[in-house]
Amino acid sequence: MKSKAMNFSRFGRYEEAIKLASFKKALAKSIKANPERKACKAGHNLVDATKGHIHVGDLLRLGQRNCRTCWKKQQAAYEAKLAKAAKKTVTK
């Protein structure tokens, strides 16, 4: 049986997630706890959820505002590195 945990990684689910009371509460709590953190290192807005940069899972699970745009870039680079390493081991 599949878990009933919400998966916000699919397209369109982000808009649903930012409407949840638990998300709004966690965002307000995070902003209150760390008001000086308004953007990530790349300059993406981490205060306004409608901009689409706040990582929903990290906020709900950890209470931290992390940038999902930067996370996606890092994840893609990491997966490319793994694929390259796997390709090298196969060709040897």
Foldseek 3Di string as FASTA:
>chain_A
DDDPDDDQPDPPSLVVLCPDPLQVVLLVVLCVVPVVCQADPVRHGQNDSVSPFFDSVCSNPPSYTDGVVVVVVVVVVVVVVVVVVVVVVVVD
